[in-house]
Amino acid sequence: MPLKDGREALQEMKADPRFKSIRVVVMTTSQADEDIAHSYSLSASSYIMKPVTFDGLLEVIRVLGKYWLEIVQLPENSDDSAS
């Protein structure tokens, strides 16, 4: 993103009541403990290391889709409970 980094965008999203319940998966190249902790402190739902290959990226997307769309049980009305 040209004007802000992902952490700034995440912080703004979670501060806005309209977007607070949106689940955010952070995908990054950073393995730094402070980046992981900071993302979760901003209410990220997951922190995932970005794969180095296209096939790896496809696999991560496949697994994420399976998890969020088939495995996890979410509340019907998730306005306040998804953070």
N, C-alpha and C. Protein backbone atom coordinates (compact mmCIF):
# COMPACT_ATOMS: atom_id res chain seq x y z
N MET A 1 0.85 -1.17 0.00
CA MET A 1 0.00 0.00 0.00
C MET A 1 0.90 1.23 0.00
N PRO A 2 0.62 2.15 -0.85
CA PRO A 2 1.54 3.27 -1.01
C PRO A 2 1.53 4.29 0.13
N LEU A 3 0.43 4.47 0.83
CA LEU A 3 0.35 5.55 1.82
C LEU A 3 0.45 5.09 3.27
N LYS A 4 0.30 3.79 3.52
CA LYS A 4 0.40 3.29 4.90
C LYS A 4 0.77 1.83 4.86
N ASP A 5 1.29 1.34 5.97
CA ASP A 5 1.61 -0.09 6.01
C ASP A 5 0.42 -0.87 6.55
N GLY A 6 0.52 -2.18 6.49
CA GLY A 6 -0.58 -3.04 6.90
C GLY A 6 -0.98 -2.88 8.34
N ARG A 7 -0.02 -2.63 9.20
CA ARG A 7 -0.34 -2.45 10.63
C ARG A 7 -1.19 -1.20 10.84
N GLU A 8 -0.87 -0.14 10.10
CA GLU A 8 -1.67 1.08 10.21
C GLU A 8 -3.09 0.83 9.70
N ALA A 9 -3.20 0.11 8.60
CA ALA A 9 -4.53 -0.20 8.05
C ALA A 9 -5.32 -1.07 9.04
N LEU A 10 -4.67 -2.06 9.63
CA LEU A 10 -5.32 -2.93 10.61
C LEU A 10 -5.80 -2.12 11.81
N GLN A 11 -4.96 -1.23 12.31
CA GLN A 11 -5.33 -0.40 13.45
C GLN A 11 -6.54 0.47 13.12
N GLU A 12 -6.57 1.05 11.94
CA GLU A 12 -7.72 1.87 11.54
C GLU A 12 -8.98 1.03 11.40
N MET A 13 -8.86 -0.15 10.81
CA MET A 13 -10.03 -1.02 10.66
C MET A 13 -10.62 -1.40 12.01
N LYS A 14 -9.77 -1.80 12.93
CA LYS A 14 -10.26 -2.27 14.23
C LYS A 14 -10.77 -1.13 15.10
N ALA A 15 -10.39 0.11 14.79
CA ALA A 15 -10.88 1.27 15.53
C ALA A 15 -12.25 1.72 15.03
N ASP A 16 -12.63 1.30 13.85
CA ASP A 16 -13.91 1.70 13.24
C ASP A 16 -14.97 0.66 13.56
N PRO A 17 -16.03 1.04 14.25
CA PRO A 17 -17.08 0.06 14.62
C PRO A 17 -17.66 -0.69 13.43
N ARG A 18 -17.68 -0.09 12.26
CA ARG A 18 -18.23 -0.75 11.07
C ARG A 18 -17.37 -1.93 10.63
N PHE A 19 -16.08 -1.89 10.93
CA PHE A 19 -15.17 -2.92 10.45
C PHE A 19 -14.54 -3.76 11.55
N LYS A 20 -14.86 -3.45 12.80
CA LYS A 20 -14.22 -4.11 13.93
C LYS A 20 -14.35 -5.63 13.91
N SER A 21 -15.48 -6.14 13.44
CA SER A 21 -15.70 -7.59 13.50
C SER A 21 -15.12 -8.34 12.29
N ILE A 22 -14.56 -7.62 11.33
CA ILE A 22 -13.95 -8.29 10.18
C ILE A 22 -12.70 -9.03 10.63
N ARG A 23 -12.61 -10.28 10.26
CA ARG A 23 -11.43 -11.07 10.60
C ARG A 23 -10.31 -10.72 9.62
N VAL A 24 -9.14 -10.40 10.16
CA VAL A 24 -8.01 -10.00 9.34
C VAL A 24 -6.89 -11.01 9.51
N VAL A 25 -6.44 -11.56 8.39
CA VAL A 25 -5.30 -12.47 8.38
C VAL A 25 -4.11 -11.68 7.83
N VAL A 26 -3.07 -11.54 8.63
CA VAL A 26 -1.87 -10.84 8.22
C VAL A 26 -0.97 -11.84 7.51
N MET A 27 -0.58 -11.51 6.28
CA MET A 27 0.35 -12.34 5.54
C MET A 27 1.55 -11.47 5.22
N THR A 28 2.72 -11.87 5.70
CA THR A 28 3.89 -11.03 5.62
C THR A 28 5.17 -11.86 5.49
N THR A 29 6.25 -11.19 5.18
CA THR A 29 7.55 -11.86 5.14
C THR A 29 8.28 -11.76 6.47
N SER A 30 7.76 -10.95 7.39
CA SER A 30 8.44 -10.73 8.67
C SER A 30 8.25 -11.91 9.61
N GLN A 31 9.36 -12.34 10.20
CA GLN A 31 9.32 -13.37 11.24
C GLN A 31 9.62 -12.78 12.61
N ALA A 32 9.71 -11.45 12.68
CA ALA A 32 10.10 -10.78 13.92
C ALA A 32 9.01 -10.95 14.99
N ASP A 33 9.44 -11.37 16.16
CA ASP A 33 8.50 -11.58 17.27
C ASP A 33 7.70 -10.32 17.57
N GLU A 34 8.34 -9.14 17.48
CA GLU A 34 7.62 -7.90 17.79
C GLU A 34 6.54 -7.61 16.75
N ASP A 35 6.76 -7.99 15.49
CA ASP A 35 5.73 -7.80 14.46
C ASP A 35 4.55 -8.73 14.69
N ILE A 36 4.85 -9.96 15.08
CA ILE A 36 3.79 -10.92 15.37
C ILE A 36 2.97 -10.44 16.57
N ALA A 37 3.65 -10.07 17.64
CA ALA A 37 2.95 -9.61 18.85
C ALA A 37 2.14 -8.35 18.56
N HIS A 38 2.71 -7.43 17.79
CA HIS A 38 2.00 -6.18 17.49
C HIS A 38 0.74 -6.45 16.66
N SER A 39 0.84 -7.34 15.70
CA SER A 39 -0.33 -7.66 14.87
C SER A 39 -1.45 -8.25 15.71
N TYR A 40 -1.10 -9.18 16.61
CA TYR A 40 -2.13 -9.76 17.47
C TYR A 40 -2.67 -8.73 18.47
N SER A 41 -1.83 -7.80 18.90
CA SER A 41 -2.31 -6.76 19.82
C SER A 41 -3.31 -5.83 19.13
N LEU A 42 -3.23 -5.77 17.79
CA LEU A 42 -4.18 -4.97 17.00
C LEU A 42 -5.40 -5.81 16.57
N SER A 43 -5.54 -6.99 17.14
CA SER A 43 -6.67 -7.90 16.90
C SER A 43 -6.63 -8.61 15.56
N ALA A 44 -5.45 -8.89 15.04
CA ALA A 44 -5.37 -9.74 13.85
C ALA A 44 -5.90 -11.12 14.24
N SER A 45 -6.56 -11.77 13.29
CA SER A 45 -7.09 -13.11 13.55
C SER A 45 -6.02 -14.18 13.39
N SER A 46 -5.08 -13.94 12.50
CA SER A 46 -3.99 -14.88 12.24
C SER A 46 -2.79 -14.11 11.70
N TYR A 47 -1.62 -14.69 11.86
CA TYR A 47 -0.38 -14.12 11.34
C TYR A 47 0.32 -15.24 10.59
N ILE A 48 0.48 -15.06 9.28
CA ILE A 48 1.00 -16.12 8.42
C ILE A 48 2.22 -15.63 7.66
N MET A 49 3.23 -16.47 7.62
CA MET A 49 4.42 -16.16 6.82
C MET A 49 4.08 -16.33 5.34
N LYS A 50 4.42 -15.31 4.55
CA LYS A 50 4.15 -15.34 3.12
C LYS A 50 5.04 -16.40 2.46
N PRO A 51 4.45 -17.32 1.72
CA PRO A 51 5.26 -18.34 1.03
C PRO A 51 6.17 -17.70 -0.02
N VAL A 52 7.29 -18.35 -0.30
CA VAL A 52 8.23 -17.80 -1.26
C VAL A 52 7.93 -18.23 -2.69
N THR A 53 7.08 -19.25 -2.86
CA THR A 53 6.74 -19.70 -4.21
C THR A 53 5.25 -19.50 -4.48
N PHE A 54 4.90 -19.45 -5.75
CA PHE A 54 3.50 -19.31 -6.13
C PHE A 54 2.70 -20.54 -5.69
N ASP A 55 3.28 -21.72 -5.86
CA ASP A 55 2.59 -22.94 -5.42
C ASP A 55 2.36 -22.92 -3.91
N GLY A 56 3.34 -22.40 -3.17
CA GLY A 56 3.19 -22.27 -1.73
C GLY A 56 2.06 -21.32 -1.37
N LEU A 57 1.96 -20.22 -2.11
CA LEU A 57 0.88 -19.26 -1.89
C LEU A 57 -0.48 -19.89 -2.16
N LEU A 58 -0.58 -20.64 -3.25
CA LEU A 58 -1.84 -21.32 -3.56
C LEU A 58 -2.23 -22.29 -2.45
N GLU A 59 -1.26 -22.99 -1.90
CA GLU A 59 -1.54 -23.94 -0.81
C GLU A 59 -2.03 -23.22 0.44
N VAL A 60 -1.38 -22.10 0.78
CA VAL A 60 -1.82 -21.33 1.95
C VAL A 60 -3.24 -20.83 1.75
N ILE A 61 -3.55 -20.33 0.58
CA ILE A 61 -4.90 -19.84 0.29
C ILE A 61 -5.91 -20.98 0.36
N ARG A 62 -5.54 -22.14 -0.16
CA ARG A 62 -6.43 -23.30 -0.11
C ARG A 62 -6.73 -23.69 1.34
N VAL A 63 -5.69 -23.74 2.16
CA VAL A 63 -5.86 -24.13 3.56
C VAL A 63 -6.66 -23.07 4.32
N LEU A 64 -6.38 -21.80 4.07
CA LEU A 64 -7.14 -20.73 4.72
C LEU A 64 -8.62 -20.81 4.34
N GLY A 65 -8.88 -21.02 3.07
CA GLY A 65 -10.26 -21.14 2.62
C GLY A 65 -10.96 -22.29 3.29
N LYS A 66 -10.29 -23.43 3.37
CA LYS A 66 -10.88 -24.60 4.02
C LYS A 66 -11.16 -24.29 5.49
N TYR A 67 -10.20 -23.68 6.17
CA TYR A 67 -10.38 -23.36 7.58
C TYR A 67 -11.56 -22.41 7.80
N TRP A 68 -11.52 -21.23 7.15
CA TRP A 68 -12.52 -20.20 7.40
C TRP A 68 -13.89 -20.54 6.83
N LEU A 69 -13.96 -21.37 5.78
CA LEU A 69 -15.25 -21.64 5.14
C LEU A 69 -15.83 -23.01 5.47
N GLU A 70 -15.00 -23.95 5.94
CA GLU A 70 -15.49 -25.30 6.19
C GLU A 70 -15.29 -25.80 7.62
N ILE A 71 -14.22 -25.39 8.27
CA ILE A 71 -13.86 -25.99 9.56
C ILE A 71 -14.35 -25.16 10.75
N VAL A 72 -14.00 -23.89 10.77
CA VAL A 72 -14.30 -23.05 11.93
C VAL A 72 -15.81 -22.83 12.08
N GLN A 73 -16.25 -22.77 13.32
CA GLN A 73 -17.64 -22.46 13.64
C GLN A 73 -17.69 -21.01 14.09
N LEU A 74 -18.43 -20.19 13.36
CA LEU A 74 -18.54 -18.77 13.67
C LEU A 74 -19.95 -18.48 14.16
N PRO A 75 -20.10 -17.47 14.99
CA PRO A 75 -21.45 -17.09 15.43
C PRO A 75 -22.25 -16.53 14.27
N GLU A 76 -23.56 -16.74 14.32
CA GLU A 76 -24.42 -16.22 13.24
C GLU A 76 -24.34 -14.72 13.15
N ASN A 77 -24.41 -14.04 14.29
CA ASN A 77 -24.30 -12.58 14.32
C ASN A 77 -22.97 -12.26 14.96
N SER A 78 -21.98 -11.90 14.15
CA SER A 78 -20.62 -11.72 14.68
C SER A 78 -20.24 -10.26 14.84
N ASP A 79 -21.19 -9.37 15.07
CA ASP A 79 -20.88 -7.94 15.21
C ASP A 79 -19.87 -7.66 16.29
N ASP A 80 -19.98 -8.31 17.44
CA ASP A 80 -19.10 -8.00 18.56
C ASP A 80 -18.18 -9.13 18.94
N SER A 81 -18.41 -10.33 18.46
CA SER A 81 -17.69 -11.48 18.98
C SER A 81 -16.53 -11.95 18.13
N ALA A 82 -16.19 -11.27 17.03
CA ALA A 82 -15.18 -11.78 16.12
C ALA A 82 -13.80 -11.20 16.36
N SER A 83 -13.65 -10.26 17.22
CA SER A 83 -12.35 -9.59 17.40
C SER A 83 -11.33 -10.47 18.03
